[in-house]
Amino acid sequence: MKIVNLQCPNCGAKLSVENGMYVCNSCGTTTAIDYDDSDVEYERVKTEAEIQEKQHEHEKELLEKKFELEQKAQIESEKRQIKRERQKNLKASVKKTISSLFGLLFIFGIFFGIFKLYTWMMSRNSANGSYSGVNIFATPTPLPNYDPTPEDFKEQMDDFIASGKTIQMDIDECATWDGKGGVKNYTKKDAVLVDAYIVTDIPEKAEYESNRLVLIYKVTWNNDKLGNHTCYDAVYFEGIKVNPNGGGVISDFKGCTIQRSDAAWGWAMAYSFEKYEQCYRENITALGGKVTKIDYASSGETEETTETTKASETTKAAKTTKKSKKSKSK
């Protein structure tokens, strides 16, 4: 191949290509390249190489596109498989849940049938007074009995009295105001049981709180200069149940004392009552329940006497007050 000068051979200006010819922009001279056979062969080979390269690129593009389509198809297939597995698992779960529900309903039906049979047999037994067949059912546990009688306390009365006295003696000091600017300190010397009462059917209380055993003690306070001072105070036990197996009552023997009113004796605290009536009123009458007195003897014997009037208690308190006044005057 010959190299042709790209400058105009006439004026030396630059040439431009137009329709495969080189034309001078200055003088208009037209110049052509003289190709030989080798140049034609080169161009042919070059053209075939370009064609092959383009075909190769096209085939590569087709392969890539095919691979991409196959990948997409595989992903879609995997998604469909996962969806089918989920649906299968969901159906199995629903089936299992339904089976469990049917099983529970079946078990419930069995127990309900047994219960209905039991109630039918019990009603038949109640109606006829007896049942000729064999009772295959266990005897129902009796409900707690929160209505004890004095007889129920017979064997355990000493324990209640001892527990109540311990609680009373734990309050071992008090102080009073003498009205002249002086405070008198007292120590507790003794607490002796005076009376015992059962209060049942206390209104506005839960059943397990609807009864009380109330023990009234005569309390002796002592001041080194003033001597002894007699008062009355009470300890109560509540939630007492009758022992269904016999042998008295069921209790935790944890006694309590009430929140005493301002009518009680004491200065910084209300410790006890100077009058029996006031002690009885705040510890028993205020409850509003049925009151039964227990006549207790140290031998453990009890006798029930139901309260019919409060006059007898008032008389007893008056006698006690007179005795205390006589002893002071002496």
C-alpha atoms as a PDB file:
ATOM      1  CA  MET A   1       0.000   0.000   0.000  1.00  0.00           C
ATOM      2  CA  LYS A   2       1.239   3.500  -0.864  1.00  0.00           C
ATOM      3  CA  ILE A   3       0.830   6.363   1.535  1.00  0.00           C
ATOM      4  CA  VAL A   4      -0.710   9.373  -0.157  1.00  0.00           C
ATOM      5  CA  ASN A   5       0.101  12.845   1.133  1.00  0.00           C
ATOM      6  CA  LEU A   6      -2.919  14.204   3.040  1.00  0.00           C
ATOM      7  CA  GLN A   7      -1.981  17.721   1.972  1.00  0.00           C
ATOM      8  CA  CYS A   8      -3.185  19.147  -1.221  1.00  0.00           C
ATOM      9  CA  PRO A   9      -0.426  18.557  -3.794  1.00  0.00           C
ATOM     10  CA  ASN A  10      -1.490  21.763  -5.525  1.00  0.00           C
ATOM     11  CA  CYS A  11      -1.676  24.328  -2.687  1.00  0.00           C
ATOM     12  CA  GLY A  12      -0.586  22.375   0.419  1.00  0.00           C
ATOM     13  CA  ALA A  13      -3.860  22.898   2.244  1.00  0.00           C
ATOM     14  CA  LYS A  14      -5.574  20.175   4.242  1.00  0.00           C
ATOM     15  CA  LEU A  15      -7.783  17.614   2.562  1.00  0.00           C
ATOM     16  CA  SER A  16     -11.242  16.406   3.625  1.00  0.00           C
ATOM     17  CA  VAL A  17     -12.890  13.072   2.801  1.00  0.00           C
ATOM     18  CA  GLU A  18     -16.003  13.113   0.576  1.00  0.00           C
ATOM     19  CA  ASN A  19     -17.446   9.911  -0.911  1.00  0.00           C
ATOM     20  CA  GLY A  20     -14.142   8.078  -0.511  1.00  0.00           C
ATOM     21  CA  MET A  21     -12.214  10.940  -2.181  1.00  0.00           C
ATOM     22  CA  TYR A  22      -9.944  13.564  -0.588  1.00  0.00           C
ATOM     23  CA  VAL A  23     -10.901  17.101  -1.582  1.00  0.00           C
ATOM     24  CA  CYS A  24      -8.907  20.253  -0.916  1.00  0.00           C
ATOM     25  CA  ASN A  25     -10.917  22.810   0.919  1.00  0.00           C
ATOM     26  CA  SER A  26      -8.814  25.638  -0.501  1.00  0.00           C
ATOM     27  CA  CYS A  27      -8.371  25.044  -4.191  1.00  0.00           C
ATOM     28  CA  GLY A  28     -10.848  22.248  -4.770  1.00  0.00           C
ATOM     29  CA  THR A  29      -8.233  19.720  -5.974  1.00  0.00           C
ATOM     30  CA  THR A  30      -9.496  16.102  -5.670  1.00  0.00           C
ATOM     31  CA  THR A  31      -7.074  13.366  -4.500  1.00  0.00           C
ATOM     32  CA  ALA A  32      -7.565   9.576  -4.276  1.00  0.00           C
ATOM     33  CA  ILE A  33      -5.643   6.714  -2.595  1.00  0.00           C
ATOM     34  CA  ASP A  34      -4.225   4.153  -4.887  1.00  0.00           C
ATOM     35  CA  TYR A  35      -5.067   0.663  -3.470  1.00  0.00           C
ATOM     36  CA  ASP A  36      -3.262  -2.467  -4.619  1.00  0.00           C
ATOM     37  CA  ASP A  37      -4.299  -6.122  -4.301  1.00  0.00           C
ATOM     38  CA  SER A  38      -2.760  -6.532  -0.841  1.00  0.00           C
ATOM     39  CA  ASP A  39      -4.774  -3.607   0.434  1.00  0.00           C
ATOM     40  CA  VAL A  40      -7.997  -5.166  -0.852  1.00  0.00           C
ATOM     41  CA  GLU A  41      -7.162  -8.505   0.807  1.00  0.00           C
ATOM     42  CA  TYR A  42      -6.404  -6.748   4.094  1.00  0.00           C
ATOM     43  CA  GLU A  43      -9.683  -4.942   4.002  1.00  0.00           C
ATOM     44  CA  ARG A  44     -11.507  -8.191   3.269  1.00  0.00           C
ATOM     45  CA  VAL A  45      -9.789 -10.037   6.113  1.00  0.00           C
ATOM     46  CA  LYS A  46     -10.386  -7.108   8.377  1.00  0.00           C
ATOM     47  CA  THR A  47     -14.062  -7.079   7.466  1.00  0.00           C
ATOM     48  CA  GLU A  48     -14.441 -10.830   8.050  1.00  0.00           C
ATOM     49  CA  ALA A  49     -12.681 -10.524  11.423  1.00  0.00           C
ATOM     50  CA  GLU A  50     -15.058  -7.760  12.392  1.00  0.00           C
ATOM     51  CA  ILE A  51     -17.993  -9.848  11.255  1.00  0.00           C
ATOM     52  CA  GLN A  52     -16.772 -12.854  13.299  1.00  0.00           C
ATOM     53  CA  GLU A  53     -16.158 -10.658  16.288  1.00  0.00           C
ATOM     54  CA  LYS A  54     -19.658  -9.247  15.993  1.00  0.00           C
ATOM     55  CA  GLN A  55     -21.070 -12.757  15.650  1.00  0.00           C
ATOM     56  CA  HIS A  56     -19.085 -13.870  18.687  1.00  0.00           C
ATOM     57  CA  GLU A  57     -20.363 -10.897  20.671  1.00  0.00           C
ATOM     58  CA  HIS A  58     -23.885 -11.655  19.513  1.00  0.00           C
ATOM     59  CA  GLU A  59     -23.571 -15.303  20.516  1.00  0.00           C
ATOM     60  CA  LYS A  60     -22.108 -14.225  23.856  1.00  0.00           C
ATOM     61  CA  GLU A  61     -25.006 -11.844  24.368  1.00  0.00           C
ATOM     62  CA  LEU A  62     -27.463 -14.644  23.507  1.00  0.00           C
ATOM     63  CA  LEU A  63     -25.768 -17.008  25.944  1.00  0.00           C
ATOM     64  CA  GLU A  64     -25.824 -14.405  28.702  1.00  0.00           C
ATOM     65  CA  LYS A  65     -29.456 -13.716  28.012  1.00  0.00           C
ATOM     66  CA  LYS A  66     -30.222 -17.432  28.027  1.00  0.00           C
ATOM     67  CA  PHE A  67     -28.341 -17.867  31.307  1.00  0.00           C
ATOM     68  CA  GLU A  68     -30.229 -14.953  32.814  1.00  0.00           C
ATOM     69  CA  LEU A  69     -33.544 -16.451  31.703  1.00  0.00           C
ATOM     70  CA  GLU A  70     -32.570 -19.845  33.118  1.00  0.00           C
ATOM     71  CA  GLN A  71     -31.594 -18.218  36.414  1.00  0.00           C
ATOM     72  CA  LYS A  72     -34.922 -16.394  36.585  1.00  0.00           C
ATOM     73  CA  ALA A  73     -36.770 -19.598  35.757  1.00  0.00           C
ATOM     74  CA  GLN A  74     -34.881 -21.454  38.488  1.00  0.00           C
ATOM     75  CA  ILE A  75     -35.628 -18.727  41.042  1.00  0.00           C
ATOM     76  CA  GLU A  76     -39.311 -18.761  40.129  1.00  0.00           C
ATOM     77  CA  SER A  77     -39.327 -22.539  40.401  1.00  0.00           C
ATOM     78  CA  GLU A  78     -37.751 -22.373  43.870  1.00  0.00           C
ATOM     79  CA  LYS A  79     -40.295 -19.744  44.937  1.00  0.00           C
ATOM     80  CA  ARG A  80     -43.149 -21.942  43.769  1.00  0.00           C
ATOM     81  CA  GLN A  81     -41.639 -24.897  45.625  1.00  0.00           C
ATOM     82  CA  ILE A  82     -41.312 -22.860  48.832  1.00  0.00           C
ATOM     83  CA  LYS A  83     -44.895 -21.656  48.451  1.00  0.00           C
ATOM     84  CA  ARG A  84     -46.109 -25.233  47.981  1.00  0.00           C
ATOM     85  CA  GLU A  85     -44.162 -26.330  51.076  1.00  0.00           C
ATOM     86  CA  ARG A  86     -45.662 -23.499  53.139  1.00  0.00           C
ATOM     87  CA  GLN A  87     -49.163 -24.337  51.995  1.00  0.00           C
ATOM     88  CA  LYS A  88     -48.525 -27.985  52.779  1.00  0.00           C
ATOM     89  CA  ASN A  89     -47.215 -27.160  56.274  1.00  0.00           C
ATOM     90  CA  LEU A  90     -50.125 -24.767  56.893  1.00  0.00           C
ATOM     91  CA  LYS A  91     -52.639 -27.437  55.930  1.00  0.00           C
ATOM     92  CA  ALA A  92     -50.892 -29.945  58.184  1.00  0.00           C
ATOM     93  CA  SER A  93     -50.893 -27.434  61.068  1.00  0.00           C
ATOM     94  CA  VAL A  94     -54.577 -26.625  60.603  1.00  0.00           C
ATOM     95  CA  LYS A  95     -55.379 -30.320  60.414  1.00  0.00           C
ATOM     96  CA  LYS A  96     -53.408 -30.983  63.588  1.00  0.00           C
ATOM     97  CA  THR A  97     -55.125 -28.081  65.400  1.00  0.00           C
ATOM     98  CA  ILE A  98     -58.559 -29.297  64.349  1.00  0.00           C
ATOM     99  CA  SER A  99     -57.680 -32.809  65.495  1.00  0.00           C
ATOM    100  CA  SER A 100     -56.526 -31.457  68.872  1.00  0.00           C
ATOM    101  CA  LEU A 101     -59.725 -29.454  69.284  1.00  0.00           C
ATOM    102  CA  PHE A 102     -61.829 -32.491  68.473  1.00  0.00           C
ATOM    103  CA  GLY A 103     -59.762 -34.468  70.981  1.00  0.00           C
ATOM    104  CA  LEU A 104     -60.309 -31.845  73.680  1.00  0.00           C
ATOM    105  CA  LEU A 105     -64.018 -31.703  72.900  1.00  0.00           C
ATOM    106  CA  PHE A 106     -64.159 -35.486  73.127  1.00  0.00           C
ATOM    107  CA  ILE A 107     -62.411 -35.493  76.517  1.00  0.00           C
ATOM    108  CA  PHE A 108     -64.635 -32.642  77.722  1.00  0.00           C
ATOM    109  CA  GLY A 109     -67.666 -34.606  76.560  1.00  0.00           C
ATOM    110  CA  ILE A 110     -66.533 -37.627  78.564  1.00  0.00           C
ATOM    111  CA  PHE A 111     -66.034 -35.592  81.744  1.00  0.00           C
ATOM    112  CA  PHE A 112     -69.286 -33.725  81.201  1.00  0.00           C
ATOM    113  CA  GLY A 113     -71.093 -37.030  80.769  1.00  0.00           C
ATOM    114  CA  ILE A 114     -69.534 -38.363  83.971  1.00  0.00           C
ATOM    115  CA  PHE A 115     -70.543 -35.176  85.789  1.00  0.00           C
ATOM    116  CA  LYS A 116     -74.122 -35.392  84.517  1.00  0.00           C
ATOM    117  CA  LEU A 117     -74.279 -39.058  85.508  1.00  0.00           C
ATOM    118  CA  TYR A 118     -72.941 -38.178  88.943  1.00  0.00           C
ATOM    119  CA  THR A 119     -75.468 -35.372  89.474  1.00  0.00           C
ATOM    120  CA  TRP A 120     -78.268 -37.636  88.249  1.00  0.00           C
ATOM    121  CA  MET A 121     -77.244 -40.374  90.671  1.00  0.00           C
ATOM    122  CA  MET A 122     -76.942 -37.886  93.536  1.00  0.00           C
ATOM    123  CA  SER A 123     -80.356 -36.385  92.781  1.00  0.00           C
ATOM    124  CA  ARG A 124     -81.835 -39.884  92.602  1.00  0.00           C
ATOM    125  CA  ASN A 125     -80.147 -40.740  95.869  1.00  0.00           C
ATOM    126  CA  SER A 126     -81.539 -37.593  97.486  1.00  0.00           C
ATOM    127  CA  ALA A 127     -85.031 -38.274  96.157  1.00  0.00           C
ATOM    128  CA  ASN A 128     -85.155 -41.925  97.239  1.00  0.00           C
ATOM    129  CA  GLY A 129     -83.131 -41.588 100.416  1.00  0.00           C
ATOM    130  CA  SER A 130     -80.789 -44.379  99.260  1.00  0.00           C
ATOM    131  CA  TYR A 131     -79.147 -45.782  96.190  1.00  0.00           C
ATOM    132  CA  SER A 132     -79.372 -49.505  95.431  1.00  0.00           C
ATOM    133  CA  GLY A 133     -76.324 -49.643  93.171  1.00  0.00           C
ATOM    134  CA  VAL A 134     -72.648 -49.331  94.045  1.00  0.00           C
ATOM    135  CA  ASN A 135     -71.512 -45.745  94.463  1.00  0.00           C
ATOM    136  CA  ILE A 136     -68.367 -45.499  92.378  1.00  0.00           C
ATOM    137  CA  PHE A 137     -67.876 -41.837  93.145  1.00  0.00           C
ATOM    138  CA  ALA A 138     -65.846 -40.416  96.019  1.00  0.00           C
ATOM    139  CA  THR A 139     -67.703 -38.617  98.785  1.00  0.00           C
ATOM    140  CA  PRO A 140     -67.534 -34.834  98.157  1.00  0.00           C
ATOM    141  CA  THR A 141     -65.323 -32.872 100.526  1.00  0.00           C
ATOM    142  CA  PRO A 142     -67.568 -31.050 103.003  1.00  0.00           C
ATOM    143  CA  LEU A 143     -67.554 -27.263 102.923  1.00  0.00           C
ATOM    144  CA  PRO A 144     -65.778 -25.502 105.803  1.00  0.00           C
ATOM    145  CA  ASN A 145     -67.996 -24.947 108.849  1.00  0.00           C
ATOM    146  CA  TYR A 146     -67.454 -21.454 110.248  1.00  0.00           C
ATOM    147  CA  ASP A 147     -70.213 -21.757 112.880  1.00  0.00           C
ATOM    148  CA  PRO A 148     -68.515 -23.286 115.963  1.00  0.00           C
ATOM    149  CA  THR A 149     -70.309 -23.894 119.268  1.00  0.00           C
ATOM    150  CA  PRO A 150     -68.920 -23.700 122.821  1.00  0.00           C
ATOM    151  CA  GLU A 151     -68.646 -27.486 122.830  1.00  0.00           C
ATOM    152  CA  ASP A 152     -66.250 -27.303 119.863  1.00  0.00           C
ATOM    153  CA  PHE A 153     -63.804 -25.234 121.961  1.00  0.00           C
ATOM    154  CA  LYS A 154     -63.824 -27.661 124.883  1.00  0.00           C
ATOM    155  CA  GLU A 155     -60.489 -29.367 124.195  1.00  0.00           C
ATOM    156  CA  GLN A 156     -58.558 -26.265 123.060  1.00  0.00           C
ATOM    157  CA  MET A 157     -59.847 -23.504 125.321  1.00  0.00           C
ATOM    158  CA  ASP A 158     -56.739 -23.557 127.491  1.00  0.00           C
ATOM    159  CA  ASP A 159     -54.593 -22.978 124.403  1.00  0.00           C
ATOM    160  CA  PHE A 160     -56.672 -19.977 123.321  1.00  0.00           C
ATOM    161  CA  ILE A 161     -56.572 -18.478 126.816  1.00  0.00           C
ATOM    162  CA  ALA A 162     -52.786 -18.938 127.073  1.00  0.00           C
ATOM    163  CA  SER A 163     -52.239 -17.400 123.636  1.00  0.00           C
ATOM    164  CA  GLY A 164     -54.481 -14.449 124.494  1.00  0.00           C
ATOM    165  CA  LYS A 165     -52.685 -13.846 127.782  1.00  0.00           C
ATOM    166  CA  THR A 166     -49.313 -13.859 125.996  1.00  0.00           C
ATOM    167  CA  ILE A 167     -50.590 -11.175 123.626  1.00  0.00           C
ATOM    168  CA  GLN A 168     -51.916  -9.123 126.558  1.00  0.00           C
ATOM    169  CA  MET A 169     -48.663  -9.363 128.507  1.00  0.00           C
ATOM    170  CA  ASP A 170     -46.651  -8.318 125.455  1.00  0.00           C
ATOM    171  CA  ILE A 171     -48.209  -4.862 125.940  1.00  0.00           C
ATOM    172  CA  ASP A 172     -46.312  -4.398 129.191  1.00  0.00           C
ATOM    173  CA  GLU A 173     -46.062  -0.608 129.645  1.00  0.00           C
ATOM    174  CA  CYS A 174     -48.343   2.416 129.388  1.00  0.00           C
ATOM    175  CA  ALA A 175     -48.608   6.015 130.523  1.00  0.00           C
ATOM    176  CA  THR A 176     -51.466   8.239 131.683  1.00  0.00           C
ATOM    177  CA  TRP A 177     -51.954  11.983 132.052  1.00  0.00           C
ATOM    178  CA  ASP A 178     -53.006  13.063 135.510  1.00  0.00           C
ATOM    179  CA  GLY A 179     -54.454  16.368 134.305  1.00  0.00           C
ATOM    180  CA  LYS A 180     -51.965  18.426 136.320  1.00  0.00           C
ATOM    181  CA  GLY A 181     -49.068  18.369 133.897  1.00  0.00           C
ATOM    182  CA  GLY A 182     -47.663  15.052 135.022  1.00  0.00           C
ATOM    183  CA  VAL A 183     -47.294  11.721 133.238  1.00  0.00           C
ATOM    184  CA  LYS A 184     -47.711   8.528 135.223  1.00  0.00           C
ATOM    185  CA  ASN A 185     -46.004   5.392 133.967  1.00  0.00           C
ATOM    186  CA  TYR A 186     -47.520   1.965 134.559  1.00  0.00           C
ATOM    187  CA  THR A 187     -46.324  -1.594 134.016  1.00  0.00           C
ATOM    188  CA  LYS A 188     -48.626  -4.531 133.437  1.00  0.00           C
ATOM    189  CA  LYS A 189     -48.601  -7.100 136.231  1.00  0.00           C
ATOM    190  CA  ASP A 190     -51.199  -9.638 135.200  1.00  0.00           C
ATOM    191  CA  ALA A 191     -54.027 -10.490 132.790  1.00  0.00           C
ATOM    192  CA  VAL A 192     -56.720 -12.903 134.018  1.00  0.00           C
ATOM    193  CA  LEU A 193     -59.540 -14.261 131.859  1.00  0.00           C
ATOM    194  CA  VAL A 194     -62.959 -12.920 132.819  1.00  0.00           C
ATOM    195  CA  ASP A 195     -65.301 -14.004 130.010  1.00  0.00           C
ATOM    196  CA  ALA A 196     -65.219 -15.757 126.641  1.00  0.00           C
ATOM    197  CA  TYR A 197     -67.674 -15.162 123.777  1.00  0.00           C
ATOM    198  CA  ILE A 198     -68.286 -16.579 120.316  1.00  0.00           C
ATOM    199  CA  VAL A 199     -69.484 -14.030 117.755  1.00  0.00           C
ATOM    200  CA  THR A 200     -70.850 -15.559 114.531  1.00  0.00           C
ATOM    201  CA  ASP A 201     -72.654 -14.308 111.400  1.00  0.00           C
ATOM    202  CA  ILE A 202     -70.760 -11.016 111.464  1.00  0.00           C
ATOM    203  CA  PRO A 203     -72.316  -8.907 108.666  1.00  0.00           C
ATOM    204  CA  GLU A 204     -70.380  -7.533 105.692  1.00  0.00           C
ATOM    205  CA  LYS A 205     -67.564 -10.035 106.201  1.00  0.00           C
ATOM    206  CA  ALA A 206     -66.312 -12.874 104.053  1.00  0.00           C
ATOM    207  CA  GLU A 207     -67.335 -16.278 105.388  1.00  0.00           C
ATOM    208  CA  TYR A 208     -63.862 -17.111 106.674  1.00  0.00           C
ATOM    209  CA  GLU A 209     -63.873 -13.806 108.638  1.00  0.00           C
ATOM    210  CA  SER A 210     -67.487 -14.002 109.833  1.00  0.00           C
ATOM    211  CA  ASN A 211     -66.773 -15.422 113.292  1.00  0.00           C
ATOM    212  CA  ARG A 212     -64.615 -14.516 116.286  1.00  0.00           C
ATOM    213  CA  LEU A 213     -63.692 -15.974 119.624  1.00  0.00           C
ATOM    214  CA  VAL A 214     -63.373 -12.957 121.948  1.00  0.00           C
ATOM    215  CA  LEU A 215     -61.607 -13.341 125.312  1.00  0.00           C
ATOM    216  CA  ILE A 216     -61.993 -10.535 127.862  1.00  0.00           C
ATOM    217  CA  TYR A 217     -59.216 -10.218 130.450  1.00  0.00           C
ATOM    218  CA  LYS A 218     -59.011  -8.297 133.690  1.00  0.00           C
ATOM    219  CA  VAL A 219     -55.747  -6.407 133.352  1.00  0.00           C
ATOM    220  CA  THR A 220     -53.757  -5.151 136.334  1.00  0.00           C
ATOM    221  CA  TRP A 221     -51.490  -2.119 135.836  1.00  0.00           C
ATOM    222  CA  ASN A 222     -49.111  -0.938 138.555  1.00  0.00           C
ATOM    223  CA  ASN A 223     -47.460   2.367 139.386  1.00  0.00           C
ATOM    224  CA  ASP A 224     -44.818   2.350 142.105  1.00  0.00           C
ATOM    225  CA  LYS A 225     -46.428   5.311 143.870  1.00  0.00           C
ATOM    226  CA  LEU A 226     -50.102   4.982 142.940  1.00  0.00           C
ATOM    227  CA  GLY A 227     -50.360   1.230 143.269  1.00  0.00           C
ATOM    228  CA  ASN A 228     -52.524  -1.055 141.093  1.00  0.00           C
ATOM    229  CA  HIS A 229     -55.088   0.036 138.530  1.00  0.00           C
ATOM    230  CA  THR A 230     -57.599  -2.505 137.160  1.00  0.00           C
ATOM    231  CA  CYS A 231     -58.813  -2.359 133.546  1.00  0.00           C
ATOM    232  CA  TYR A 232     -60.349  -4.685 130.964  1.00  0.00           C
ATOM    233  CA  ASP A 233     -59.061  -5.620 127.532  1.00  0.00           C
ATOM    234  CA  ALA A 234     -59.829  -8.263 124.915  1.00  0.00           C
ATOM    235  CA  VAL A 235     -58.060 -10.511 122.432  1.00  0.00           C
ATOM    236  CA  TYR A 236     -59.904 -12.041 119.480  1.00  0.00           C
ATOM    237  CA  PHE A 237     -59.272 -14.991 117.163  1.00  0.00           C
ATOM    238  CA  GLU A 238     -61.080 -15.083 113.793  1.00  0.00           C
ATOM    239  CA  GLY A 239     -61.492 -17.462 110.877  1.00  0.00           C
ATOM    240  CA  ILE A 240     -62.092 -20.427 113.196  1.00  0.00           C
ATOM    241  CA  LYS A 241     -63.358 -23.594 111.508  1.00  0.00           C
ATOM    242  CA  VAL A 242     -64.971 -26.640 113.009  1.00  0.00           C
ATOM    243  CA  ASN A 243     -62.714 -29.656 112.549  1.00  0.00           C
ATOM    244  CA  PRO A 244     -64.630 -32.000 110.172  1.00  0.00           C
ATOM    245  CA  ASN A 245     -62.763 -34.978 111.630  1.00  0.00           C
ATOM    246  CA  GLY A 246     -63.760 -34.155 115.175  1.00  0.00           C
ATOM    247  CA  GLY A 247     -61.527 -32.983 117.978  1.00  0.00           C
ATOM    248  CA  GLY A 248     -62.447 -29.316 118.311  1.00  0.00           C
ATOM    249  CA  VAL A 249     -61.705 -26.425 115.990  1.00  0.00           C
ATOM    250  CA  ILE A 250     -59.034 -25.432 113.476  1.00  0.00           C
ATOM    251  CA  SER A 251     -57.176 -22.183 114.218  1.00  0.00           C
ATOM    252  CA  ASP A 252     -53.712 -20.678 113.899  1.00  0.00           C
ATOM    253  CA  PHE A 253     -54.034 -19.280 117.475  1.00  0.00           C
ATOM    254  CA  LYS A 254     -52.769 -15.894 116.257  1.00  0.00           C
ATOM    255  CA  GLY A 255     -54.840 -13.490 118.296  1.00  0.00           C
ATOM    256  CA  CYS A 256     -55.281  -9.752 117.718  1.00  0.00           C
ATOM    257  CA  THR A 257     -56.462  -6.708 119.623  1.00  0.00           C
ATOM    258  CA  ILE A 258     -58.813  -4.092 118.198  1.00  0.00           C
ATOM    259  CA  GLN A 259     -57.995  -0.457 117.442  1.00  0.00           C
ATOM    260  CA  ARG A 260     -59.351   1.009 120.678  1.00  0.00           C
ATOM    261  CA  SER A 261     -61.370   4.224 120.703  1.00  0.00           C
ATOM    262  CA  ASP A 262     -60.544   7.398 122.636  1.00  0.00           C
ATOM    263  CA  ALA A 263     -62.789   6.131 125.426  1.00  0.00           C
ATOM    264  CA  ALA A 264     -60.104   3.631 126.363  1.00  0.00           C
ATOM    265  CA  TRP A 265     -57.651   4.231 129.225  1.00  0.00           C
ATOM    266  CA  GLY A 266     -54.156   5.516 128.437  1.00  0.00           C
ATOM    267  CA  TRP A 267     -52.425   8.683 127.314  1.00  0.00           C
ATOM    268  CA  ALA A 268     -50.159   8.332 124.250  1.00  0.00           C
ATOM    269  CA  MET A 269     -52.017   5.131 123.311  1.00  0.00           C
ATOM    270  CA  ALA A 270     -55.366   3.601 124.207  1.00  0.00           C
ATOM    271  CA  TYR A 271     -54.255   0.519 126.120  1.00  0.00           C
ATOM    272  CA  SER A 272     -57.337  -0.918 127.811  1.00  0.00           C
ATOM    273  CA  PHE A 273     -60.782  -0.023 129.191  1.00  0.00           C
ATOM    274  CA  GLU A 274     -61.542   1.077 132.708  1.00  0.00           C
ATOM    275  CA  LYS A 275     -65.114  -0.251 132.434  1.00  0.00           C
ATOM    276  CA  TYR A 276     -66.174  -3.746 131.454  1.00  0.00           C
ATOM    277  CA  GLU A 277     -69.163  -2.396 129.502  1.00  0.00           C
ATOM    278  CA  GLN A 278     -66.952  -0.267 127.244  1.00  0.00           C
ATOM    279  CA  CYS A 279     -64.653  -3.215 126.549  1.00  0.00           C
ATOM    280  CA  TYR A 280     -67.665  -5.422 125.727  1.00  0.00           C
ATOM    281  CA  ARG A 281     -69.246  -2.749 123.517  1.00  0.00           C
ATOM    282  CA  GLU A 282     -66.180  -2.120 121.367  1.00  0.00           C
ATOM    283  CA  ASN A 283     -65.034  -5.758 121.079  1.00  0.00           C
ATOM    284  CA  ILE A 284     -68.372  -7.580 120.753  1.00  0.00           C
ATOM    285  CA  THR A 285     -71.456  -5.408 120.313  1.00  0.00           C
ATOM    286  CA  ALA A 286     -69.803  -3.350 117.550  1.00  0.00           C
ATOM    287  CA  LEU A 287     -69.432  -6.475 115.392  1.00  0.00           C
ATOM    288  CA  GLY A 288     -73.187  -6.855 114.956  1.00  0.00           C
ATOM    289  CA  GLY A 289     -73.134 -10.654 114.956  1.00  0.00           C
ATOM    290  CA  LYS A 290     -74.787 -13.388 116.993  1.00  0.00           C
ATOM    291  CA  VAL A 291     -73.172 -13.571 120.463  1.00  0.00           C
ATOM    292  CA  THR A 292     -72.865 -16.770 122.490  1.00  0.00           C
ATOM    293  CA  LYS A 293     -71.118 -16.804 125.862  1.00  0.00           C
ATOM    294  CA  ILE A 294     -68.850 -19.660 126.894  1.00  0.00           C
ATOM    295  CA  ASP A 295     -68.951 -20.506 130.602  1.00  0.00           C
ATOM    296  CA  TYR A 296     -65.447 -21.845 130.999  1.00  0.00           C
ATOM    297  CA  ALA A 297     -64.019 -23.791 133.915  1.00  0.00           C
ATOM    298  CA  SER A 298     -60.358 -24.623 134.399  1.00  0.00           C
ATOM    299  CA  SER A 299     -61.200 -28.334 134.218  1.00  0.00           C
ATOM    300  CA  GLY A 300     -61.920 -27.858 130.533  1.00  0.00           C
ATOM    301  CA  GLU A 301     -65.724 -28.148 130.792  1.00  0.00           C
ATOM    302  CA  THR A 302     -67.877 -25.628 128.863  1.00  0.00           C
ATOM    303  CA  GLU A 303     -71.525 -24.735 129.006  1.00  0.00           C
ATOM    304  CA  GLU A 304     -73.357 -22.758 126.315  1.00  0.00           C
ATOM    305  CA  THR A 305     -75.482 -19.777 127.367  1.00  0.00           C
ATOM    306  CA  THR A 306     -76.830 -17.625 124.535  1.00  0.00           C
ATOM    307  CA  GLU A 307     -77.059 -13.914 125.293  1.00  0.00           C
ATOM    308  CA  THR A 308     -80.638 -12.733 125.531  1.00  0.00           C
ATOM    309  CA  THR A 309     -80.076  -9.315 127.043  1.00  0.00           C
ATOM    310  CA  LYS A 310     -77.200  -7.013 127.881  1.00  0.00           C
ATOM    311  CA  ALA A 311     -78.615  -6.168 131.275  1.00  0.00           C
ATOM    312  CA  SER A 312     -76.865  -9.103 132.963  1.00  0.00           C
ATOM    313  CA  GLU A 313     -73.490  -7.916 131.653  1.00  0.00           C
ATOM    314  CA  THR A 314     -74.161  -4.387 132.868  1.00  0.00           C
ATOM    315  CA  THR A 315     -75.064  -5.718 136.335  1.00  0.00           C
ATOM    316  CA  LYS A 316     -71.898  -7.779 136.450  1.00  0.00           C
ATOM    317  CA  ALA A 317     -69.807  -4.777 135.452  1.00  0.00           C
ATOM    318  CA  ALA A 318     -71.487  -2.637 138.146  1.00  0.00           C
ATOM    319  CA  LYS A 319     -70.692  -5.235 140.787  1.00  0.00           C
ATOM    320  CA  THR A 320     -67.092  -5.369 139.640  1.00  0.00           C
ATOM    321  CA  THR A 321     -66.826  -1.563 139.829  1.00  0.00           C
ATOM    322  CA  LYS A 322     -68.308  -1.527 143.376  1.00  0.00           C
ATOM    323  CA  LYS A 323     -65.852  -4.182 144.529  1.00  0.00           C
ATOM    324  CA  SER A 324     -62.905  -2.234 143.116  1.00  0.00           C
ATOM    325  CA  LYS A 325     -64.109   0.966 144.857  1.00  0.00           C
ATOM    326  CA  LYS A 326     -64.489  -0.867 148.188  1.00  0.00           C
ATOM    327  CA  SER A 327     -60.997  -2.306 147.893  1.00  0.00           C
ATOM    328  CA  LYS A 328     -59.586   1.175 147.194  1.00  0.00           C
ATOM    329  CA  SER A 329     -61.443   2.742 150.120  1.00  0.00           C
ATOM    330  CA  LYS A 330     -60.065   0.081 152.429  1.00  0.00           C
END
